[in-house]
Amino acid sequence: MNPDDKLCYCFHVTQRKVINFIRIEQPRVPSQLSECGGAGTGCGWCVPFLRKLFDAEQGGQSADIELSPEEYAAARQGYIAAGKVRKEEPSDDAS
């Protein structure tokens, strides 16, 4: 995907916007990316991709989403058509 391609279709947030948010705001945990235009709070499709960008930036690397914009959009459509909505999974750290 290119930096200006939508990552969060629900709220029209681009990959570039998320990366800039991470670099400028320096969120401590991936869930704080929701403060970037609501990314990840709609259908949930983009959550794993947001985490991938977060983890890469935390490690000083650049993340590459290895899907074309068309493949990404088609996969999301399939996800929505299947009635899927991602929910945050409980952390293994909870004790």
PDB file of N, CA and C in Angstrom:
ATOM      1  N   MET A   1       0.841  -1.181   0.000  1.00  0.00           N
ATOM      2  CA  MET A   1       0.000   0.000   0.000  1.00  0.00           C
ATOM      3  C   MET A   1       0.887   1.245   0.000  1.00  0.00           C
ATOM      4  N   ASN A   2       0.343   2.296  -0.520  1.00  0.00           N
ATOM      5  CA  ASN A   2       1.044   3.574  -0.539  1.00  0.00           C
ATOM      6  C   ASN A   2       0.666   4.384   0.699  1.00  0.00           C
ATOM      7  N   PRO A   3       1.516   5.319   1.106  1.00  0.00           N
ATOM      8  CA  PRO A   3       1.234   6.103   2.314  1.00  0.00           C
ATOM      9  C   PRO A   3      -0.102   6.842   2.298  1.00  0.00           C
ATOM     10  N   ASP A   4      -0.564   7.256   1.135  1.00  0.00           N
ATOM     11  CA  ASP A   4      -1.804   8.024   1.078  1.00  0.00           C
ATOM     12  C   ASP A   4      -3.042   7.167   0.853  1.00  0.00           C
ATOM     13  N   ASP A   5      -2.882   5.849   0.888  1.00  0.00           N
ATOM     14  CA  ASP A   5      -4.029   4.951   0.777  1.00  0.00           C
ATOM     15  C   ASP A   5      -4.722   4.855   2.128  1.00  0.00           C
ATOM     16  N   LYS A   6      -6.038   4.672   2.083  1.00  0.00           N
ATOM     17  CA  LYS A   6      -6.808   4.560   3.322  1.00  0.00           C
ATOM     18  C   LYS A   6      -6.441   3.291   4.055  1.00  0.00           C
ATOM     19  N   LEU A   7      -6.217   3.441   5.345  1.00  0.00           N
ATOM     20  CA  LEU A   7      -5.981   2.308   6.221  1.00  0.00           C
ATOM     21  C   LEU A   7      -7.273   2.000   6.974  1.00  0.00           C
ATOM     22  N   CYS A   8      -7.923   3.050   7.462  1.00  0.00           N
ATOM     23  CA  CYS A   8      -9.203   2.920   8.157  1.00  0.00           C
ATOM     24  C   CYS A   8     -10.293   3.472   7.239  1.00  0.00           C
ATOM     25  N   TYR A   9     -11.042   2.564   6.639  1.00  0.00           N
ATOM     26  CA  TYR A   9     -12.102   2.976   5.729  1.00  0.00           C
ATOM     27  C   TYR A   9     -13.288   3.599   6.465  1.00  0.00           C
ATOM     28  N   CYS A  10     -13.542   3.179   7.680  1.00  0.00           N
ATOM     29  CA  CYS A  10     -14.680   3.716   8.429  1.00  0.00           C
ATOM     30  C   CYS A  10     -14.545   5.224   8.655  1.00  0.00           C
ATOM     31  N   PHE A  11     -13.316   5.666   8.943  1.00  0.00           N
ATOM     32  CA  PHE A  11     -13.094   7.074   9.268  1.00  0.00           C
ATOM     33  C   PHE A  11     -12.140   7.770   8.302  1.00  0.00           C
ATOM     34  N   HIS A  12     -11.828   7.109   7.186  1.00  0.00           N
ATOM     35  CA  HIS A  12     -11.024   7.692   6.106  1.00  0.00           C
ATOM     36  C   HIS A  12      -9.654   8.164   6.590  1.00  0.00           C
ATOM     37  N   VAL A  13      -8.979   7.320   7.357  1.00  0.00           N
ATOM     38  CA  VAL A  13      -7.652   7.645   7.888  1.00  0.00           C
ATOM     39  C   VAL A  13      -6.608   6.940   7.031  1.00  0.00           C
ATOM     40  N   THR A  14      -5.648   7.713   6.529  1.00  0.00           N
ATOM     41  CA  THR A  14      -4.618   7.145   5.668  1.00  0.00           C
ATOM     42  C   THR A  14      -3.461   6.567   6.487  1.00  0.00           C
ATOM     43  N   GLN A  15      -2.684   5.746   5.816  1.00  0.00           N
ATOM     44  CA  GLN A  15      -1.495   5.176   6.437  1.00  0.00           C
ATOM     45  C   GLN A  15      -0.529   6.298   6.838  1.00  0.00           C
ATOM     46  N   ARG A  16      -0.381   7.298   5.997  1.00  0.00           N
ATOM     47  CA  ARG A  16       0.516   8.419   6.291  1.00  0.00           C
ATOM     48  C   ARG A  16       0.083   9.151   7.565  1.00  0.00           C
ATOM     49  N   LYS A  17      -1.213   9.353   7.715  1.00  0.00           N
ATOM     50  CA  LYS A  17      -1.719  10.046   8.897  1.00  0.00           C
ATOM     51  C   LYS A  17      -1.407   9.255  10.165  1.00  0.00           C
ATOM     52  N   VAL A  18      -1.562   7.945  10.110  1.00  0.00           N
ATOM     53  CA  VAL A  18      -1.274   7.098  11.269  1.00  0.00           C
ATOM     54  C   VAL A  18       0.215   7.152  11.608  1.00  0.00           C
ATOM     55  N   ILE A  19       1.059   7.037  10.603  1.00  0.00           N
ATOM     56  CA  ILE A  19       2.509   7.067  10.850  1.00  0.00           C
ATOM     57  C   ILE A  19       2.923   8.415  11.428  1.00  0.00           C
ATOM     58  N   ASN A  20       2.403   9.499  10.866  1.00  0.00           N
ATOM     59  CA  ASN A  20       2.728  10.818  11.417  1.00  0.00           C
ATOM     60  C   ASN A  20       2.223  10.956  12.849  1.00  0.00           C
ATOM     61  N   PHE A  21       1.049  10.436  13.130  1.00  0.00           N
ATOM     62  CA  PHE A  21       0.508  10.471  14.485  1.00  0.00           C
ATOM     63  C   PHE A  21       1.449   9.736  15.444  1.00  0.00           C
ATOM     64  N   ILE A  22       1.902   8.563  15.040  1.00  0.00           N
ATOM     65  CA  ILE A  22       2.808   7.780  15.889  1.00  0.00           C
ATOM     66  C   ILE A  22       4.093   8.559  16.147  1.00  0.00           C
ATOM     67  N   ARG A  23       4.652   9.146  15.116  1.00  0.00           N
ATOM     68  CA  ARG A  23       5.919   9.865  15.260  1.00  0.00           C
ATOM     69  C   ARG A  23       5.788  11.141  16.084  1.00  0.00           C
ATOM     70  N   ILE A  24       4.677  11.852  15.932  1.00  0.00           N
ATOM     71  CA  ILE A  24       4.512  13.128  16.625  1.00  0.00           C
ATOM     72  C   ILE A  24       3.968  12.937  18.039  1.00  0.00           C
ATOM     73  N   GLU A  25       2.907  12.157  18.173  1.00  0.00           N
ATOM     74  CA  GLU A  25       2.234  11.998  19.467  1.00  0.00           C
ATOM     75  C   GLU A  25       2.876  10.941  20.362  1.00  0.00           C
ATOM     76  N   GLN A  26       3.624  10.032  19.768  1.00  0.00           N
ATOM     77  CA  GLN A  26       4.312   8.962  20.483  1.00  0.00           C
ATOM     78  C   GLN A  26       3.400   8.212  21.463  1.00  0.00           C
ATOM     79  N   PRO A  27       2.347   7.586  20.930  1.00  0.00           N
ATOM     80  CA  PRO A  27       1.459   6.816  21.804  1.00  0.00           C
ATOM     81  C   PRO A  27       2.225   5.688  22.488  1.00  0.00           C
ATOM     82  N   ARG A  28       1.826   5.375  23.705  1.00  0.00           N
ATOM     83  CA  ARG A  28       2.521   4.350  24.479  1.00  0.00           C
ATOM     84  C   ARG A  28       2.032   2.945  24.155  1.00  0.00           C
ATOM     85  N   VAL A  29       0.777   2.837  23.731  1.00  0.00           N
ATOM     86  CA  VAL A  29       0.189   1.538  23.394  1.00  0.00           C
ATOM     87  C   VAL A  29      -0.595   1.666  22.087  1.00  0.00           C
ATOM     88  N   PRO A  30      -0.742   0.564  21.348  1.00  0.00           N
ATOM     89  CA  PRO A  30      -1.442   0.638  20.060  1.00  0.00           C
ATOM     90  C   PRO A  30      -2.874   1.167  20.157  1.00  0.00           C
ATOM     91  N   SER A  31      -3.551   0.910  21.246  1.00  0.00           N
ATOM     92  CA  SER A  31      -4.940   1.354  21.359  1.00  0.00           C
ATOM     93  C   SER A  31      -5.069   2.877  21.332  1.00  0.00           C
ATOM     94  N   GLN A  32      -3.994   3.592  21.629  1.00  0.00           N
ATOM     95  CA  GLN A  32      -4.038   5.050  21.571  1.00  0.00           C
ATOM     96  C   GLN A  32      -4.095   5.572  20.136  1.00  0.00           C
ATOM     97  N   LEU A  33      -3.910   4.696  19.164  1.00  0.00           N
ATOM     98  CA  LEU A  33      -4.037   5.107  17.772  1.00  0.00           C
ATOM     99  C   LEU A  33      -5.479   5.486  17.443  1.00  0.00           C
ATOM    100  N   SER A  34      -6.411   5.109  18.286  1.00  0.00           N
ATOM    101  CA  SER A  34      -7.807   5.498  18.076  1.00  0.00           C
ATOM    102  C   SER A  34      -7.968   7.018  18.160  1.00  0.00           C
ATOM    103  N   GLU A  35      -7.008   7.689  18.779  1.00  0.00           N
ATOM    104  CA  GLU A  35      -7.029   9.147  18.870  1.00  0.00           C
ATOM    105  C   GLU A  35      -6.658   9.799  17.539  1.00  0.00           C
ATOM    106  N   CYS A  36      -6.240   8.997  16.595  1.00  0.00           N
ATOM    107  CA  CYS A  36      -5.888   9.482  15.259  1.00  0.00           C
ATOM    108  C   CYS A  36      -7.120   9.354  14.364  1.00  0.00           C
ATOM    109  N   GLY A  37      -8.013  10.283  14.485  1.00  0.00           N
ATOM    110  CA  GLY A  37      -9.203  10.303  13.647  1.00  0.00           C
ATOM    111  C   GLY A  37     -10.169   9.163  13.862  1.00  0.00           C
ATOM    112  N   GLY A  38     -10.066   8.475  14.997  1.00  0.00           N
ATOM    113  CA  GLY A  38     -10.959   7.357  15.284  1.00  0.00           C
ATOM    114  C   GLY A  38     -10.518   6.037  14.685  1.00  0.00           C
ATOM    115  N   ALA A  39      -9.325   5.995  14.124  1.00  0.00           N
ATOM    116  CA  ALA A  39      -8.833   4.778  13.471  1.00  0.00           C
ATOM    117  C   ALA A  39      -8.974   3.562  14.383  1.00  0.00           C
ATOM    118  N   GLY A  40      -9.516   2.497  13.823  1.00  0.00           N
ATOM    119  CA  GLY A  40      -9.641   1.240  14.543  1.00  0.00           C
ATOM    120  C   GLY A  40     -10.886   1.107  15.399  1.00  0.00           C
ATOM    121  N   THR A  41     -11.724   2.134  15.453  1.00  0.00           N
ATOM    122  CA  THR A  41     -12.892   2.075  16.331  1.00  0.00           C
ATOM    123  C   THR A  41     -14.196   1.766  15.599  1.00  0.00           C
ATOM    124  N   GLY A  42     -14.126   1.572  14.300  1.00  0.00           N
ATOM    125  CA  GLY A  42     -15.329   1.248  13.532  1.00  0.00           C
ATOM    126  C   GLY A  42     -15.508  -0.249  13.451  1.00  0.00           C
ATOM    127  N   CYS A  43     -15.324  -0.794  12.266  1.00  0.00           N
ATOM    128  CA  CYS A  43     -15.548  -2.224  12.044  1.00  0.00           C
ATOM    129  C   CYS A  43     -14.441  -3.087  12.651  1.00  0.00           C
ATOM    130  N   GLY A  44     -13.266  -2.515  12.847  1.00  0.00           N
ATOM    131  CA  GLY A  44     -12.160  -3.259  13.442  1.00  0.00           C
ATOM    132  C   GLY A  44     -11.217  -3.904  12.432  1.00  0.00           C
ATOM    133  N   TRP A  45     -11.531  -3.837  11.160  1.00  0.00           N
ATOM    134  CA  TRP A  45     -10.690  -4.459  10.136  1.00  0.00           C
ATOM    135  C   TRP A  45      -9.245  -3.975  10.206  1.00  0.00           C
ATOM    136  N   CYS A  46      -9.036  -2.697  10.439  1.00  0.00           N
ATOM    137  CA  CYS A  46      -7.696  -2.126  10.356  1.00  0.00           C
ATOM    138  C   CYS A  46      -6.853  -2.344  11.613  1.00  0.00           C
ATOM    139  N   VAL A  47      -7.434  -2.851  12.692  1.00  0.00           N
ATOM    140  CA  VAL A  47      -6.708  -2.972  13.959  1.00  0.00           C
ATOM    141  C   VAL A  47      -5.389  -3.733  13.823  1.00  0.00           C
ATOM    142  N   PRO A  48      -5.332  -4.905  13.183  1.00  0.00           N
ATOM    143  CA  PRO A  48      -4.042  -5.594  13.067  1.00  0.00           C
ATOM    144  C   PRO A  48      -3.015  -4.794  12.265  1.00  0.00           C
ATOM    145  N   PHE A  49      -3.489  -4.024  11.288  1.00  0.00           N
ATOM    146  CA  PHE A  49      -2.586  -3.206  10.484  1.00  0.00           C
ATOM    147  C   PHE A  49      -2.079  -2.015  11.296  1.00  0.00           C
ATOM    148  N   LEU A  50      -2.940  -1.460  12.134  1.00  0.00           N
ATOM    149  CA  LEU A  50      -2.521  -0.375  13.030  1.00  0.00           C
ATOM    150  C   LEU A  50      -1.447  -0.883  13.984  1.00  0.00           C
ATOM    151  N   ARG A  51      -1.652  -2.071  14.519  1.00  0.00           N
ATOM    152  CA  ARG A  51      -0.663  -2.658  15.435  1.00  0.00           C
ATOM    153  C   ARG A  51       0.668  -2.885  14.711  1.00  0.00           C
ATOM    154  N   LYS A  52       0.581  -3.332  13.465  1.00  0.00           N
ATOM    155  CA  LYS A  52       1.802  -3.573  12.690  1.00  0.00           C
ATOM    156  C   LYS A  52       2.581  -2.270  12.503  1.00  0.00           C
ATOM    157  N   LEU A  53       1.875  -1.189  12.168  1.00  0.00           N
ATOM    158  CA  LEU A  53       2.534   0.109  12.017  1.00  0.00           C
ATOM    159  C   LEU A  53       3.116   0.582  13.342  1.00  0.00           C
ATOM    160  N   PHE A  54       2.362   0.434  14.410  1.00  0.00           N
ATOM    161  CA  PHE A  54       2.818   0.835  15.740  1.00  0.00           C
ATOM    162  C   PHE A  54       4.089   0.075  16.115  1.00  0.00           C
ATOM    163  N   ASP A  55       4.060  -1.236  15.987  1.00  0.00           N
ATOM    164  CA  ASP A  55       5.215  -2.065  16.351  1.00  0.00           C
ATOM    165  C   ASP A  55       6.442  -1.715  15.516  1.00  0.00           C
ATOM    166  N   ALA A  56       6.250  -1.498  14.231  1.00  0.00           N
ATOM    167  CA  ALA A  56       7.374  -1.158  13.359  1.00  0.00           C
ATOM    168  C   ALA A  56       7.985   0.178  13.759  1.00  0.00           C
ATOM    169  N   GLU A  57       7.143   1.174  14.000  1.00  0.00           N
ATOM    170  CA  GLU A  57       7.656   2.496  14.390  1.00  0.00           C
ATOM    171  C   GLU A  57       8.345   2.442  15.748  1.00  0.00           C
ATOM    172  N   GLN A  58       7.825   1.640  16.654  1.00  0.00           N
ATOM    173  CA  GLN A  58       8.452   1.494  17.975  1.00  0.00           C
ATOM    174  C   GLN A  58       9.838   0.871  17.840  1.00  0.00           C
ATOM    175  N   GLY A  59       9.996  -0.005  16.865  1.00  0.00           N
ATOM    176  CA  GLY A  59      11.277  -0.675  16.633  1.00  0.00           C
ATOM    177  C   GLY A  59      12.188   0.099  15.705  1.00  0.00           C
ATOM    178  N   GLY A  60      11.790   1.306  15.316  1.00  0.00           N
ATOM    179  CA  GLY A  60      12.617   2.117  14.439  1.00  0.00           C
ATOM    180  C   GLY A  60      12.643   1.627  13.004  1.00  0.00           C
ATOM    181  N   GLN A  61      11.645   0.852  12.623  1.00  0.00           N
ATOM    182  CA  GLN A  61      11.577   0.315  11.266  1.00  0.00           C
ATOM    183  C   GLN A  61      10.393   0.946  10.549  1.00  0.00           C
ATOM    184  N   SER A  62      10.362   0.764   9.253  1.00  0.00           N
ATOM    185  CA  SER A  62       9.183   1.209   8.516  1.00  0.00           C
ATOM    186  C   SER A  62       8.343  -0.017   8.215  1.00  0.00           C
ATOM    187  N   ALA A  63       7.059   0.113   8.447  1.00  0.00           N
ATOM    188  CA  ALA A  63       6.146  -1.009   8.197  1.00  0.00           C
ATOM    189  C   ALA A  63       5.694  -0.983   6.751  1.00  0.00           C
ATOM    190  N   ASP A  64       5.544  -2.141   6.192  1.00  0.00           N
ATOM    191  CA  ASP A  64       5.050  -2.240   4.826  1.00  0.00           C
ATOM    192  C   ASP A  64       3.845  -3.171   4.839  1.00  0.00           C
ATOM    193  N   ILE A  65       2.714  -2.647   4.426  1.00  0.00           N
ATOM    194  CA  ILE A  65       1.529  -3.476   4.293  1.00  0.00           C
ATOM    195  C   ILE A  65       1.583  -4.049   2.884  1.00  0.00           C
ATOM    196  N   GLU A  66       1.774  -5.339   2.816  1.00  0.00           N
ATOM    197  CA  GLU A  66       2.093  -6.003   1.556  1.00  0.00           C
ATOM    198  C   GLU A  66       0.861  -6.367   0.740  1.00  0.00           C
ATOM    199  N   LEU A  67      -0.107  -5.487   0.730  1.00  0.00           N
ATOM    200  CA  LEU A  67      -1.296  -5.661  -0.095  1.00  0.00           C
ATOM    201  C   LEU A  67      -1.432  -4.442  -0.979  1.00  0.00           C
ATOM    202  N   SER A  68      -1.956  -4.639  -2.145  1.00  0.00           N
ATOM    203  CA  SER A  68      -2.273  -3.477  -2.976  1.00  0.00           C
ATOM    204  C   SER A  68      -3.508  -2.822  -2.371  1.00  0.00           C
ATOM    205  N   PRO A  69      -3.758  -1.559  -2.679  1.00  0.00           N
ATOM    206  CA  PRO A  69      -4.969  -0.912  -2.167  1.00  0.00           C
ATOM    207  C   PRO A  69      -6.238  -1.681  -2.564  1.00  0.00           C
ATOM    208  N   GLU A  70      -6.228  -2.247  -3.753  1.00  0.00           N
ATOM    209  CA  GLU A  70      -7.388  -3.004  -4.223  1.00  0.00           C
ATOM    210  C   GLU A  70      -7.569  -4.301  -3.433  1.00  0.00           C
ATOM    211  N   GLU A  71      -6.459  -4.995  -3.164  1.00  0.00           N
ATOM    212  CA  GLU A  71      -6.517  -6.226  -2.375  1.00  0.00           C
ATOM    213  C   GLU A  71      -6.987  -5.932  -0.942  1.00  0.00           C
ATOM    214  N   TYR A  72      -6.469  -4.850  -0.378  1.00  0.00           N
ATOM    215  CA  TYR A  72      -6.847  -4.446   0.980  1.00  0.00           C
ATOM    216  C   TYR A  72      -8.346  -4.149   1.045  1.00  0.00           C
ATOM    217  N   ALA A  73      -8.840  -3.363   0.093  1.00  0.00           N
ATOM    218  CA  ALA A  73     -10.258  -3.001   0.061  1.00  0.00           C
ATOM    219  C   ALA A  73     -11.138  -4.237  -0.148  1.00  0.00           C
ATOM    220  N   ALA A  74     -10.721  -5.144  -1.031  1.00  0.00           N
ATOM    221  CA  ALA A  74     -11.497  -6.353  -1.292  1.00  0.00           C
ATOM    222  C   ALA A  74     -11.530  -7.264  -0.059  1.00  0.00           C
ATOM    223  N   ALA A  75     -10.401  -7.383   0.634  1.00  0.00           N
ATOM    224  CA  ALA A  75     -10.354  -8.209   1.843  1.00  0.00           C
ATOM    225  C   ALA A  75     -11.247  -7.615   2.925  1.00  0.00           C
ATOM    226  N   ARG A  76     -11.260  -6.298   3.032  1.00  0.00           N
ATOM    227  CA  ARG A  76     -12.131  -5.641   4.016  1.00  0.00           C
ATOM    228  C   ARG A  76     -13.590  -5.881   3.653  1.00  0.00           C
ATOM    229  N   GLN A  77     -13.925  -5.783   2.379  1.00  0.00           N
ATOM    230  CA  GLN A  77     -15.304  -6.032   1.938  1.00  0.00           C
ATOM    231  C   GLN A  77     -15.741  -7.444   2.321  1.00  0.00           C
ATOM    232  N   GLY A  78     -14.860  -8.412   2.141  1.00  0.00           N
ATOM    233  CA  GLY A  78     -15.173  -9.788   2.531  1.00  0.00           C
ATOM    234  C   GLY A  78     -15.382  -9.913   4.025  1.00  0.00           C
ATOM    235  N   TYR A  79     -14.569  -9.216   4.772  1.00  0.00           N
ATOM    236  CA  TYR A  79     -14.669  -9.191   6.234  1.00  0.00           C
ATOM    237  C   TYR A  79     -16.016  -8.618   6.667  1.00  0.00           C
ATOM    238  N   ILE A  80     -16.413  -7.503   6.064  1.00  0.00           N
ATOM    239  CA  ILE A  80     -17.685  -6.853   6.389  1.00  0.00           C
ATOM    240  C   ILE A  80     -18.854  -7.749   5.957  1.00  0.00           C
ATOM    241  N   ALA A  81     -18.761  -8.325   4.758  1.00  0.00           N
ATOM    242  CA  ALA A  81     -19.830  -9.181   4.244  1.00  0.00           C
ATOM    243  C   ALA A  81     -20.050 -10.401   5.129  1.00  0.00           C
ATOM    244  N   ALA A  82     -18.975 -10.871   5.743  1.00  0.00           N
ATOM    245  CA  ALA A  82     -19.081 -12.029   6.629  1.00  0.00           C
ATOM    246  C   ALA A  82     -19.648 -11.648   7.992  1.00  0.00           C
ATOM    247  N   GLY A  83     -19.891 -10.350   8.183  1.00  0.00           N
ATOM    248  CA  GLY A  83     -20.468  -9.892   9.445  1.00  0.00           C
ATOM    249  C   GLY A  83     -19.477  -9.862  10.580  1.00  0.00           C
ATOM    250  N   LYS A  84     -18.220  -9.772  10.240  1.00  0.00           N
ATOM    251  CA  LYS A  84     -17.176  -9.777  11.252  1.00  0.00           C
ATOM    252  C   LYS A  84     -17.011  -8.390  11.855  1.00  0.00           C
ATOM    253  N   VAL A  85     -16.760  -8.372  13.127  1.00  0.00           N
ATOM    254  CA  VAL A  85     -16.379  -7.150  13.812  1.00  0.00           C
ATOM    255  C   VAL A  85     -15.331  -7.574  14.823  1.00  0.00           C
ATOM    256  N   ARG A  86     -14.143  -7.039  14.679  1.00  0.00           N
ATOM    257  CA  ARG A  86     -13.055  -7.402  15.586  1.00  0.00           C
ATOM    258  C   ARG A  86     -13.310  -6.797  16.955  1.00  0.00           C
ATOM    259  N   LYS A  87     -13.031  -7.562  17.953  1.00  0.00           N
ATOM    260  CA  LYS A  87     -13.086  -7.085  19.334  1.00  0.00           C
ATOM    261  C   LYS A  87     -11.684  -7.229  19.896  1.00  0.00           C
ATOM    262  N   GLU A  88     -11.351  -6.352  20.805  1.00  0.00           N
ATOM    263  CA  GLU A  88     -10.059  -6.469  21.459  1.00  0.00           C
ATOM    264  C   GLU A  88     -10.015  -7.787  22.207  1.00  0.00           C
ATOM    265  N   GLU A  89      -8.940  -8.533  22.005  1.00  0.00           N
ATOM    266  CA  GLU A  89      -8.780  -9.786  22.704  1.00  0.00           C
ATOM    267  C   GLU A  89      -8.168  -9.511  24.064  1.00  0.00           C
ATOM    268  N   PRO A  90      -8.535 -10.281  25.078  1.00  0.00           N
ATOM    269  CA  PRO A  90      -7.966 -10.062  26.399  1.00  0.00           C
ATOM    270  C   PRO A  90      -6.456 -10.245  26.366  1.00  0.00           C
ATOM    271  N   SER A  91      -5.782  -9.414  27.087  1.00  0.00           N
ATOM    272  CA  SER A  91      -4.326  -9.475  27.146  1.00  0.00           C
ATOM    273  C   SER A  91      -3.877 -10.638  28.009  1.00  0.00           C
ATOM    274  N   ASP A  92      -2.759 -11.246  27.632  1.00  0.00           N
ATOM    275  CA  ASP A  92      -2.175 -12.318  28.445  1.00  0.00           C
ATOM    276  C   ASP A  92      -1.586 -11.754  29.732  1.00  0.00           C
ATOM    277  N   ASP A  93      -1.367 -10.450  29.775  1.00  0.00           N
ATOM    278  CA  ASP A  93      -0.760  -9.794  30.924  1.00  0.00           C
ATOM    279  C   ASP A  93      -1.743  -9.615  32.070  1.00  0.00           C
ATOM    280  N   ALA A  94      -3.039  -9.733  31.808  1.00  0.00           N
ATOM    281  CA  ALA A  94      -4.041  -9.494  32.858  1.00  0.00           C
ATOM    282  C   ALA A  94      -3.931 -10.576  33.917  1.00  0.00           C
ATOM    283  N   SER A  95      -3.696 -10.150  35.112  1.00  0.00           N
ATOM    284  CA  SER A  95      -3.589 -11.114  36.222  1.00  0.00           C
ATOM    285  C   SER A  95      -4.424 -10.649  37.379  1.00  0.00           C
TER     286      SER A  95
END
